[in-house]
Amino acid sequence: MILSPPLKTETTGRWQYVPFGSANLSNTLINAELFDEYRIGIVPIILGKGRQLFTPEHKQQHLKLIENHHTATDCVIVRYRRDRSAETDN
């Protein structure tokens, strides 16, 4: 697992951390509702098995597509921001 050094965004002045390669850490942060934004890389290979990023125990979150990028190797990188205004307490 890699956790980037904190990055300060120019637009908001807020600090951000970017975890790479750890499903366990990502699940912990998702369950604690600490992700404001998701950047997901999609590789065009179907394995038929593997670890799910989003599992049934996660609380439903509304996401808004912010950006998508198609690479030269047919991968797609999508960026979603959490839309807290669309979420309601049940």
Protein backbone atom coordinates (compact mmCIF):
# COMPACT_ATOMS: atom_id res chain seq x y z
CA MET A 1 0.00 0.00 0.00
CA ILE A 2 1.20 3.48 -0.80
CA LEU A 3 -0.15 6.66 0.79
CA SER A 4 0.98 9.78 -0.99
CA PRO A 5 2.43 12.71 0.93
CA PRO A 6 -0.30 15.25 1.63
CA LEU A 7 -1.06 17.48 -1.33
CA LYS A 8 -2.55 20.94 -0.92
CA THR A 9 -5.02 21.75 -3.67
CA GLU A 10 -4.74 25.15 -5.27
CA THR A 11 -8.48 25.64 -5.74
CA THR A 12 -9.67 24.81 -2.21
CA GLY A 13 -6.50 25.15 -0.15
CA ARG A 14 -7.41 21.81 1.50
CA TRP A 15 -4.99 18.95 2.07
CA GLN A 16 -5.60 15.64 0.35
CA TYR A 17 -4.16 12.15 0.68
CA VAL A 18 -4.20 9.59 -2.11
CA PRO A 19 -4.08 5.87 -1.20
CA PHE A 20 -2.88 3.46 -3.88
CA GLY A 21 -3.11 -0.31 -3.94
CA SER A 22 -4.77 -1.23 -0.66
CA ALA A 23 -8.31 -2.56 -0.71
CA ASN A 24 -8.24 -2.92 3.09
CA LEU A 25 -7.25 0.71 3.67
CA SER A 26 -9.72 1.91 1.05
CA ASN A 27 -12.56 -0.07 2.67
CA THR A 28 -11.68 1.38 6.08
CA LEU A 29 -11.71 4.93 4.69
CA ILE A 30 -14.94 4.33 2.73
CA ASN A 31 -16.70 2.94 5.82
CA ALA A 32 -15.54 5.95 7.85
CA GLU A 33 -16.93 8.21 5.08
CA LEU A 34 -13.55 9.89 4.62
CA PHE A 35 -13.48 9.89 0.81
CA ASP A 36 -14.76 13.05 -0.85
CA GLU A 37 -13.60 11.95 -4.27
CA TYR A 38 -12.95 8.66 -6.07
CA ARG A 39 -10.49 8.19 -8.93
CA ILE A 40 -10.93 4.75 -10.41
CA GLY A 41 -8.90 3.18 -13.19
CA ILE A 42 -10.71 0.61 -15.32
CA VAL A 43 -8.57 -1.89 -17.22
CA PRO A 44 -10.29 -3.81 -20.05
CA ILE A 45 -9.62 -7.29 -18.65
CA ILE A 46 -12.29 -9.51 -17.09
CA LEU A 47 -10.79 -11.77 -14.46
CA GLY A 48 -14.01 -13.23 -13.08
CA LYS A 49 -12.70 -12.94 -9.54
CA GLY A 50 -10.95 -10.51 -7.27
CA ARG A 51 -11.67 -8.11 -4.48
CA GLN A 52 -14.62 -5.75 -4.86
CA LEU A 53 -14.01 -2.06 -4.26
CA PHE A 54 -17.60 -1.45 -3.16
CA THR A 55 -19.20 -4.18 -1.07
CA PRO A 56 -22.73 -4.66 0.34
CA GLU A 57 -21.73 -3.42 3.81
CA HIS A 58 -20.88 0.05 2.47
CA LYS A 59 -23.42 2.78 3.07
CA GLN A 60 -24.98 4.04 -0.16
CA GLN A 61 -23.31 7.18 -1.45
CA HIS A 62 -24.38 9.44 -4.29
CA LEU A 63 -21.55 10.25 -6.68
CA LYS A 64 -21.28 12.80 -9.46
CA LEU A 65 -19.02 12.19 -12.46
CA ILE A 66 -16.45 14.99 -12.59
CA GLU A 67 -14.06 13.76 -15.26
CA ASN A 68 -13.23 10.78 -17.44
CA HIS A 69 -10.14 10.03 -19.47
CA HIS A 70 -9.55 7.33 -22.07
CA THR A 71 -5.90 6.26 -22.33
CA ALA A 72 -3.98 5.04 -25.38
CA THR A 73 -4.01 1.52 -23.90
CA ASP A 74 -7.84 1.45 -23.71
CA CYS A 75 -7.96 2.03 -19.97
CA VAL A 76 -10.50 4.50 -18.62
CA ILE A 77 -9.88 6.70 -15.61
CA VAL A 78 -13.00 8.14 -14.02
CA ARG A 79 -13.22 10.75 -11.30
CA TYR A 80 -16.29 10.97 -9.10
CA ARG A 81 -17.03 13.44 -6.33
CA ARG A 82 -19.35 12.57 -3.50
CA ASP A 83 -22.64 14.46 -3.77
CA ARG A 84 -23.56 14.93 -0.12
CA SER A 85 -26.50 17.20 -1.04
CA ALA A 86 -28.25 14.18 -2.64
CA GLU A 87 -27.78 12.00 0.44
CA THR A 88 -30.38 11.77 3.16
CA ASP A 89 -30.27 10.15 6.57
CA ASN A 90 -32.49 7.08 6.68
